[in-house]
Amino acid sequence: MSGLQWTEERVGRACLSAVAEPGSLILKACLVRWTGAQLWARVQQGKEHEPWTVRAASVHPERFVEQCEKLAMRFVIPGDAEW
């Protein structure tokens, strides 16, 4: 993945991108309070925005990462040099 490692934070943010609406103000507010990894855990536990929780049931992080790597996709997050 061109030097970018699939850390817990990167995986969490990638999974959040699969369940939250683009440009979501709710997501923005939540990411001020929690890291991406923490927020993804909260979504999986049903502690956050209900539509995300419902969608999260169909997101499999391991498969998500495998598909990204297979397709040579790059998932850049805050803190990356390219951000």
PDB file of N, CA and C in Angstrom:
ATOM      1  N   MET A   1       0.833  -1.191   0.000  1.00  0.00           N
ATOM      2  CA  MET A   1       0.000   0.000   0.000  1.00  0.00           C
ATOM      3  C   MET A   1       0.868   1.241   0.000  1.00  0.00           C
ATOM      4  N   SER A   2       1.908   1.200  -0.705  1.00  0.00           N
ATOM      5  CA  SER A   2       2.788   2.347  -0.883  1.00  0.00           C
ATOM      6  C   SER A   2       3.216   2.989   0.426  1.00  0.00           C
ATOM      7  N   GLY A   3       3.592   2.176   1.405  1.00  0.00           N
ATOM      8  CA  GLY A   3       4.124   2.695   2.646  1.00  0.00           C
ATOM      9  C   GLY A   3       3.087   3.061   3.695  1.00  0.00           C
ATOM     10  N   LEU A   4       1.814   3.104   3.351  1.00  0.00           N
ATOM     11  CA  LEU A   4       0.777   3.411   4.333  1.00  0.00           C
ATOM     12  C   LEU A   4       0.318   2.109   4.971  1.00  0.00           C
ATOM     13  N   GLN A   5       0.434   2.024   6.285  1.00  0.00           N
ATOM     14  CA  GLN A   5       0.052   0.803   6.991  1.00  0.00           C
ATOM     15  C   GLN A   5      -1.410   0.858   7.411  1.00  0.00           C
ATOM     16  N   TRP A   6      -2.033  -0.302   7.442  1.00  0.00           N
ATOM     17  CA  TRP A   6      -3.416  -0.395   7.876  1.00  0.00           C
ATOM     18  C   TRP A   6      -3.467  -0.443   9.399  1.00  0.00           C
ATOM     19  N   THR A   7      -3.289   0.715  10.006  1.00  0.00           N
ATOM     20  CA  THR A   7      -3.378   0.840  11.458  1.00  0.00           C
ATOM     21  C   THR A   7      -4.848   0.736  11.872  1.00  0.00           C
ATOM     22  N   GLU A   8      -5.071   0.607  13.165  1.00  0.00           N
ATOM     23  CA  GLU A   8      -6.436   0.566  13.683  1.00  0.00           C
ATOM     24  C   GLU A   8      -7.189   1.848  13.306  1.00  0.00           C
ATOM     25  N   GLU A   9      -6.492   2.975  13.337  1.00  0.00           N
ATOM     26  CA  GLU A   9      -7.110   4.249  12.978  1.00  0.00           C
ATOM     27  C   GLU A   9      -7.499   4.284  11.497  1.00  0.00           C
ATOM     28  N   ARG A  10      -6.605   3.813  10.630  1.00  0.00           N
ATOM     29  CA  ARG A  10      -6.886   3.823   9.188  1.00  0.00           C
ATOM     30  C   ARG A  10      -8.071   2.897   8.874  1.00  0.00           C
ATOM     31  N   VAL A  11      -8.074   1.726   9.484  1.00  0.00           N
ATOM     32  CA  VAL A  11      -9.180   0.786   9.265  1.00  0.00           C
ATOM     33  C   VAL A  11     -10.488   1.388   9.777  1.00  0.00           C
ATOM     34  N   GLY A  12     -10.449   1.983  10.961  1.00  0.00           N
ATOM     35  CA  GLY A  12     -11.655   2.601  11.516  1.00  0.00           C
ATOM     36  C   GLY A  12     -12.210   3.683  10.608  1.00  0.00           C
ATOM     37  N   ARG A  13     -11.341   4.550  10.130  1.00  0.00           N
ATOM     38  CA  ARG A  13     -11.794   5.629   9.243  1.00  0.00           C
ATOM     39  C   ARG A  13     -12.286   5.088   7.902  1.00  0.00           C
ATOM     40  N   ALA A  14     -11.645   4.052   7.401  1.00  0.00           N
ATOM     41  CA  ALA A  14     -12.102   3.440   6.149  1.00  0.00           C
ATOM     42  C   ALA A  14     -13.502   2.858   6.326  1.00  0.00           C
ATOM     43  N   CYS A  15     -13.715   2.166   7.428  1.00  0.00           N
ATOM     44  CA  CYS A  15     -15.034   1.587   7.687  1.00  0.00           C
ATOM     45  C   CYS A  15     -16.087   2.671   7.887  1.00  0.00           C
ATOM     46  N   LEU A  16     -15.720   3.737   8.571  1.00  0.00           N
ATOM     47  CA  LEU A  16     -16.658   4.847   8.741  1.00  0.00           C
ATOM     48  C   LEU A  16     -17.055   5.439   7.391  1.00  0.00           C
ATOM     49  N   SER A  17     -16.112   5.486   6.470  1.00  0.00           N
ATOM     50  CA  SER A  17     -16.426   6.040   5.144  1.00  0.00           C
ATOM     51  C   SER A  17     -17.434   5.162   4.399  1.00  0.00           C
ATOM     52  N   ALA A  18     -17.526   3.895   4.803  1.00  0.00           N
ATOM     53  CA  ALA A  18     -18.474   2.987   4.168  1.00  0.00           C
ATOM     54  C   ALA A  18     -19.874   3.089   4.765  1.00  0.00           C
ATOM     55  N   VAL A  19     -20.008   3.704   5.943  1.00  0.00           N
ATOM     56  CA  VAL A  19     -21.321   3.763   6.576  1.00  0.00           C
ATOM     57  C   VAL A  19     -21.893   5.181   6.702  1.00  0.00           C
ATOM     58  N   ALA A  20     -21.051   6.183   6.690  1.00  0.00           N
ATOM     59  CA  ALA A  20     -21.515   7.566   6.860  1.00  0.00           C
ATOM     60  C   ALA A  20     -21.743   8.222   5.504  1.00  0.00           C
ATOM     61  N   GLU A  21     -22.679   9.134   5.492  1.00  0.00           N
ATOM     62  CA  GLU A  21     -22.970   9.866   4.269  1.00  0.00           C
ATOM     63  C   GLU A  21     -21.815  10.820   3.960  1.00  0.00           C
ATOM     64  N   PRO A  22     -21.479  11.010   2.685  1.00  0.00           N
ATOM     65  CA  PRO A  22     -20.422  11.963   2.336  1.00  0.00           C
ATOM     66  C   PRO A  22     -20.747  13.356   2.886  1.00  0.00           C
ATOM     67  N   GLY A  23     -19.762  13.993   3.482  1.00  0.00           N
ATOM     68  CA  GLY A  23     -19.934  15.333   4.017  1.00  0.00           C
ATOM     69  C   GLY A  23     -20.764  15.392   5.291  1.00  0.00           C
ATOM     70  N   SER A  24     -20.920  14.265   5.967  1.00  0.00           N
ATOM     71  CA  SER A  24     -21.755  14.198   7.161  1.00  0.00           C
ATOM     72  C   SER A  24     -21.243  15.111   8.279  1.00  0.00           C
ATOM     73  N   LEU A  25     -22.095  16.027   8.710  1.00  0.00           N
ATOM     74  CA  LEU A  25     -21.744  16.900   9.831  1.00  0.00           C
ATOM     75  C   LEU A  25     -21.742  16.122  11.147  1.00  0.00           C
ATOM     76  N   ILE A  26     -22.548  15.075  11.216  1.00  0.00           N
ATOM     77  CA  ILE A  26     -22.559  14.225  12.408  1.00  0.00           C
ATOM     78  C   ILE A  26     -21.209  13.521  12.534  1.00  0.00           C
ATOM     79  N   LEU A  27     -20.708  12.993  11.427  1.00  0.00           N
ATOM     80  CA  LEU A  27     -19.399  12.334  11.445  1.00  0.00           C
ATOM     81  C   LEU A  27     -18.310  13.320  11.840  1.00  0.00           C
ATOM     82  N   LYS A  28     -18.360  14.494  11.279  1.00  0.00           N
ATOM     83  CA  LYS A  28     -17.364  15.518  11.596  1.00  0.00           C
ATOM     84  C   LYS A  28     -17.355  15.817  13.097  1.00  0.00           C
ATOM     85  N   ALA A  29     -18.524  15.993  13.673  1.00  0.00           N
ATOM     86  CA  ALA A  29     -18.628  16.287  15.100  1.00  0.00           C
ATOM     87  C   ALA A  29     -18.119  15.118  15.946  1.00  0.00           C
ATOM     88  N   CYS A  30     -18.433  13.916  15.541  1.00  0.00           N
ATOM     89  CA  CYS A  30     -17.985  12.735  16.288  1.00  0.00           C
ATOM     90  C   CYS A  30     -16.470  12.585  16.242  1.00  0.00           C
ATOM     91  N   LEU A  31     -15.867  12.919  15.102  1.00  0.00           N
ATOM     92  CA  LEU A  31     -14.411  12.774  14.965  1.00  0.00           C
ATOM     93  C   LEU A  31     -13.647  13.867  15.718  1.00  0.00           C
ATOM     94  N   VAL A  32     -14.350  14.876  16.188  1.00  0.00           N
ATOM     95  CA  VAL A  32     -13.725  15.854  17.077  1.00  0.00           C
ATOM     96  C   VAL A  32     -13.625  15.245  18.480  1.00  0.00           C
ATOM     97  N   ARG A  33     -14.593  14.431  18.814  1.00  0.00           N
ATOM     98  CA  ARG A  33     -14.673  13.843  20.155  1.00  0.00           C
ATOM     99  C   ARG A  33     -13.883  12.535  20.279  1.00  0.00           C
ATOM    100  N   TRP A  34     -13.900  11.696  19.240  1.00  0.00           N
ATOM    101  CA  TRP A  34     -13.251  10.391  19.271  1.00  0.00           C
ATOM    102  C   TRP A  34     -12.334  10.211  18.066  1.00  0.00           C
ATOM    103  N   THR A  35     -11.375   9.306  18.198  1.00  0.00           N
ATOM    104  CA  THR A  35     -10.561   8.933  17.042  1.00  0.00           C
ATOM    105  C   THR A  35     -11.431   8.106  16.102  1.00  0.00           C
ATOM    106  N   GLY A  36     -10.952   7.892  14.904  1.00  0.00           N
ATOM    107  CA  GLY A  36     -11.685   7.050  13.969  1.00  0.00           C
ATOM    108  C   GLY A  36     -11.861   5.640  14.487  1.00  0.00           C
ATOM    109  N   ALA A  37     -10.824   5.102  15.112  1.00  0.00           N
ATOM    110  CA  ALA A  37     -10.893   3.744  15.664  1.00  0.00           C
ATOM    111  C   ALA A  37     -11.916   3.672  16.797  1.00  0.00           C
ATOM    112  N   GLN A  38     -11.914   4.674  17.670  1.00  0.00           N
ATOM    113  CA  GLN A  38     -12.876   4.694  18.777  1.00  0.00           C
ATOM    114  C   GLN A  38     -14.303   4.836  18.258  1.00  0.00           C
ATOM    115  N   LEU A  39     -14.482   5.703  17.283  1.00  0.00           N
ATOM    116  CA  LEU A  39     -15.816   5.925  16.737  1.00  0.00           C
ATOM    117  C   LEU A  39     -16.326   4.677  16.029  1.00  0.00           C
ATOM    118  N   TRP A  40     -15.462   4.014  15.281  1.00  0.00           N
ATOM    119  CA  TRP A  40     -15.881   2.782  14.597  1.00  0.00           C
ATOM    120  C   TRP A  40     -16.320   1.740  15.631  1.00  0.00           C
ATOM    121  N   ALA A  41     -15.605   1.612  16.732  1.00  0.00           N
ATOM    122  CA  ALA A  41     -15.990   0.672  17.793  1.00  0.00           C
ATOM    123  C   ALA A  41     -17.360   1.049  18.359  1.00  0.00           C
ATOM    124  N   ARG A  42     -17.591   2.336  18.567  1.00  0.00           N
ATOM    125  CA  ARG A  42     -18.874   2.805  19.092  1.00  0.00           C
ATOM    126  C   ARG A  42     -20.006   2.504  18.104  1.00  0.00           C
ATOM    127  N   VAL A  43     -19.742   2.670  16.822  1.00  0.00           N
ATOM    128  CA  VAL A  43     -20.752   2.365  15.805  1.00  0.00           C
ATOM    129  C   VAL A  43     -21.086   0.876  15.848  1.00  0.00           C
ATOM    130  N   GLN A  44     -20.072   0.039  15.931  1.00  0.00           N
ATOM    131  CA  GLN A  44     -20.293  -1.409  15.975  1.00  0.00           C
ATOM    132  C   GLN A  44     -21.063  -1.832  17.228  1.00  0.00           C
ATOM    133  N   GLN A  45     -20.901  -1.086  18.301  1.00  0.00           N
ATOM    134  CA  GLN A  45     -21.597  -1.382  19.557  1.00  0.00           C
ATOM    135  C   GLN A  45     -23.011  -0.804  19.593  1.00  0.00           C
ATOM    136  N   GLY A  46     -23.397  -0.087  18.552  1.00  0.00           N
ATOM    137  CA  GLY A  46     -24.728   0.507  18.499  1.00  0.00           C
ATOM    138  C   GLY A  46     -24.880   1.766  19.325  1.00  0.00           C
ATOM    139  N   LYS A  47     -23.757   2.421  19.630  1.00  0.00           N
ATOM    140  CA  LYS A  47     -23.787   3.615  20.482  1.00  0.00           C
ATOM    141  C   LYS A  47     -23.832   4.922  19.699  1.00  0.00           C
ATOM    142  N   GLU A  48     -23.894   4.858  18.392  1.00  0.00           N
ATOM    143  CA  GLU A  48     -23.883   6.075  17.574  1.00  0.00           C
ATOM    144  C   GLU A  48     -25.069   6.096  16.617  1.00  0.00           C
ATOM    145  N   HIS A  49     -25.043   7.037  15.732  1.00  0.00           N
ATOM    146  CA  HIS A  49     -26.090   7.294  14.736  1.00  0.00           C
ATOM    147  C   HIS A  49     -26.655   5.974  14.181  1.00  0.00           C
ATOM    148  N   GLU A  50     -27.943   5.735  14.403  1.00  0.00           N
ATOM    149  CA  GLU A  50     -28.555   4.446  14.072  1.00  0.00           C
ATOM    150  C   GLU A  50     -28.344   3.988  12.620  1.00  0.00           C
ATOM    151  N   PRO A  51     -28.485   4.869  11.628  1.00  0.00           N
ATOM    152  CA  PRO A  51     -28.246   4.400  10.254  1.00  0.00           C
ATOM    153  C   PRO A  51     -26.838   3.824  10.059  1.00  0.00           C
ATOM    154  N   TRP A  52     -25.858   4.388  10.743  1.00  0.00           N
ATOM    155  CA  TRP A  52     -24.490   3.861  10.637  1.00  0.00           C
ATOM    156  C   TRP A  52     -24.411   2.465  11.227  1.00  0.00           C
ATOM    157  N   THR A  53     -25.068   2.283  12.367  1.00  0.00           N
ATOM    158  CA  THR A  53     -25.055   0.984  13.040  1.00  0.00           C
ATOM    159  C   THR A  53     -25.657  -0.086  12.141  1.00  0.00           C
ATOM    160  N   VAL A  54     -26.750   0.248  11.499  1.00  0.00           N
ATOM    161  CA  VAL A  54     -27.407  -0.702  10.593  1.00  0.00           C
ATOM    162  C   VAL A  54     -26.466  -1.058   9.442  1.00  0.00           C
ATOM    163  N   ARG A  55     -25.858  -0.047   8.835  1.00  0.00           N
ATOM    164  CA  ARG A  55     -24.951  -0.284   7.700  1.00  0.00           C
ATOM    165  C   ARG A  55     -23.688  -1.030   8.138  1.00  0.00           C
ATOM    166  N   ALA A  56     -23.233  -0.780   9.359  1.00  0.00           N
ATOM    167  CA  ALA A  56     -21.997  -1.395   9.851  1.00  0.00           C
ATOM    168  C   ALA A  56     -22.086  -2.915   9.890  1.00  0.00           C
ATOM    169  N   ALA A  57     -23.294  -3.446  10.026  1.00  0.00           N
ATOM    170  CA  ALA A  57     -23.468  -4.900  10.076  1.00  0.00           C
ATOM    171  C   ALA A  57     -22.966  -5.578   8.798  1.00  0.00           C
ATOM    172  N   SER A  58     -22.962  -4.836   7.694  1.00  0.00           N
ATOM    173  CA  SER A  58     -22.517  -5.425   6.428  1.00  0.00           C
ATOM    174  C   SER A  58     -21.068  -5.089   6.077  1.00  0.00           C
ATOM    175  N   VAL A  59     -20.376  -4.376   6.959  1.00  0.00           N
ATOM    176  CA  VAL A  59     -18.979  -3.999   6.706  1.00  0.00           C
ATOM    177  C   VAL A  59     -18.069  -4.983   7.434  1.00  0.00           C
ATOM    178  N   HIS A  60     -17.179  -5.595   6.687  1.00  0.00           N
ATOM    179  CA  HIS A  60     -16.219  -6.556   7.233  1.00  0.00           C
ATOM    180  C   HIS A  60     -14.828  -5.969   7.025  1.00  0.00           C
ATOM    181  N   PRO A  61     -14.245  -5.389   8.072  1.00  0.00           N
ATOM    182  CA  PRO A  61     -12.965  -4.685   7.936  1.00  0.00           C
ATOM    183  C   PRO A  61     -11.869  -5.486   7.237  1.00  0.00           C
ATOM    184  N   GLU A  62     -11.749  -6.760   7.556  1.00  0.00           N
ATOM    185  CA  GLU A  62     -10.688  -7.563   6.939  1.00  0.00           C
ATOM    186  C   GLU A  62     -10.870  -7.648   5.428  1.00  0.00           C
ATOM    187  N   ARG A  63     -12.106  -7.879   4.999  1.00  0.00           N
ATOM    188  CA  ARG A  63     -12.383  -7.945   3.555  1.00  0.00           C
ATOM    189  C   ARG A  63     -12.205  -6.582   2.896  1.00  0.00           C
ATOM    190  N   PHE A  64     -12.585  -5.546   3.610  1.00  0.00           N
ATOM    191  CA  PHE A  64     -12.430  -4.178   3.111  1.00  0.00           C
ATOM    192  C   PHE A  64     -10.959  -3.898   2.816  1.00  0.00           C
ATOM    193  N   VAL A  65     -10.097  -4.225   3.766  1.00  0.00           N
ATOM    194  CA  VAL A  65      -8.651  -4.016   3.597  1.00  0.00           C
ATOM    195  C   VAL A  65      -8.124  -4.876   2.452  1.00  0.00           C
ATOM    196  N   GLU A  66      -8.532  -6.137   2.404  1.00  0.00           N
ATOM    197  CA  GLU A  66      -8.083  -7.030   1.326  1.00  0.00           C
ATOM    198  C   GLU A  66      -8.444  -6.468  -0.043  1.00  0.00           C
ATOM    199  N   GLN A  67      -9.677  -5.991  -0.186  1.00  0.00           N
ATOM    200  CA  GLN A  67     -10.115  -5.436  -1.468  1.00  0.00           C
ATOM    201  C   GLN A  67      -9.332  -4.175  -1.826  1.00  0.00           C
ATOM    202  N   CYS A  68      -9.094  -3.322  -0.846  1.00  0.00           N
ATOM    203  CA  CYS A  68      -8.310  -2.113  -1.104  1.00  0.00           C
ATOM    204  C   CYS A  68      -6.905  -2.469  -1.582  1.00  0.00           C
ATOM    205  N   GLU A  69      -6.295  -3.438  -0.922  1.00  0.00           N
ATOM    206  CA  GLU A  69      -4.942  -3.847  -1.316  1.00  0.00           C
ATOM    207  C   GLU A  69      -4.946  -4.520  -2.684  1.00  0.00           C
ATOM    208  N   LYS A  70      -5.930  -5.347  -2.940  1.00  0.00           N
ATOM    209  CA  LYS A  70      -6.040  -6.034  -4.229  1.00  0.00           C
ATOM    210  C   LYS A  70      -6.164  -5.029  -5.375  1.00  0.00           C
ATOM    211  N   LEU A  71      -6.908  -3.964  -5.132  1.00  0.00           N
ATOM    212  CA  LEU A  71      -7.128  -2.944  -6.162  1.00  0.00           C
ATOM    213  C   LEU A  71      -6.086  -1.831  -6.130  1.00  0.00           C
ATOM    214  N   ALA A  72      -5.090  -1.971  -5.234  1.00  0.00           N
ATOM    215  CA  ALA A  72      -4.017  -0.980  -5.068  1.00  0.00           C
ATOM    216  C   ALA A  72      -4.580   0.403  -4.724  1.00  0.00           C
ATOM    217  N   MET A  73      -5.649   0.400  -3.930  1.00  0.00           N
ATOM    218  CA  MET A  73      -6.239   1.661  -3.493  1.00  0.00           C
ATOM    219  C   MET A  73      -5.436   2.233  -2.335  1.00  0.00           C
ATOM    220  N   ARG A  74      -5.428   3.531  -2.238  1.00  0.00           N
ATOM    221  CA  ARG A  74      -4.751   4.215  -1.132  1.00  0.00           C
ATOM    222  C   ARG A  74      -5.831   4.905  -0.305  1.00  0.00           C
ATOM    223  N   PHE A  75      -5.765   4.743   0.980  1.00  0.00           N
ATOM    224  CA  PHE A  75      -6.724   5.392   1.868  1.00  0.00           C
ATOM    225  C   PHE A  75      -5.934   6.310   2.779  1.00  0.00           C
ATOM    226  N   VAL A  76      -5.968   7.595   2.458  1.00  0.00           N
ATOM    227  CA  VAL A  76      -5.168   8.599   3.161  1.00  0.00           C
ATOM    228  C   VAL A  76      -6.018   9.214   4.278  1.00  0.00           C
ATOM    229  N   ILE A  77      -5.411   9.365   5.459  1.00  0.00           N
ATOM    230  CA  ILE A  77      -6.122   9.911   6.616  1.00  0.00           C
ATOM    231  C   ILE A  77      -5.340  11.086   7.206  1.00  0.00           C
ATOM    232  N   PRO A  78      -5.991  11.870   8.072  1.00  0.00           N
ATOM    233  CA  PRO A  78      -5.265  12.955   8.733  1.00  0.00           C
ATOM    234  C   PRO A  78      -4.009  12.411   9.431  1.00  0.00           C
ATOM    235  N   GLY A  79      -2.940  13.151   9.297  1.00  0.00           N
ATOM    236  CA  GLY A  79      -1.663  12.717   9.857  1.00  0.00           C
ATOM    237  C   GLY A  79      -0.742  12.139   8.804  1.00  0.00           C
ATOM    238  N   ASP A  80      -1.286  11.691   7.676  1.00  0.00           N
ATOM    239  CA  ASP A  80      -0.451  11.203   6.578  1.00  0.00           C
ATOM    240  C   ASP A  80       0.177  12.399   5.867  1.00  0.00           C
ATOM    241  N   ALA A  81       1.360  12.215   5.377  1.00  0.00           N
ATOM    242  CA  ALA A  81       2.054  13.297   4.672  1.00  0.00           C
ATOM    243  C   ALA A  81       1.247  13.815   3.484  1.00  0.00           C
ATOM    244  N   GLU A  82       0.492  12.943   2.867  1.00  0.00           N
ATOM    245  CA  GLU A  82      -0.298  13.314   1.682  1.00  0.00           C
ATOM    246  C   GLU A  82      -1.640  13.952   2.021  1.00  0.00           C
ATOM    247  N   TRP A  83      -2.000  13.993   3.266  1.00  0.00           N
ATOM    248  CA  TRP A  83      -3.329  14.499   3.661  1.00  0.00           C
ATOM    249  C   TRP A  83      -3.496  15.928   3.270  1.00  0.00           C
TER     250      TRP A  83
END
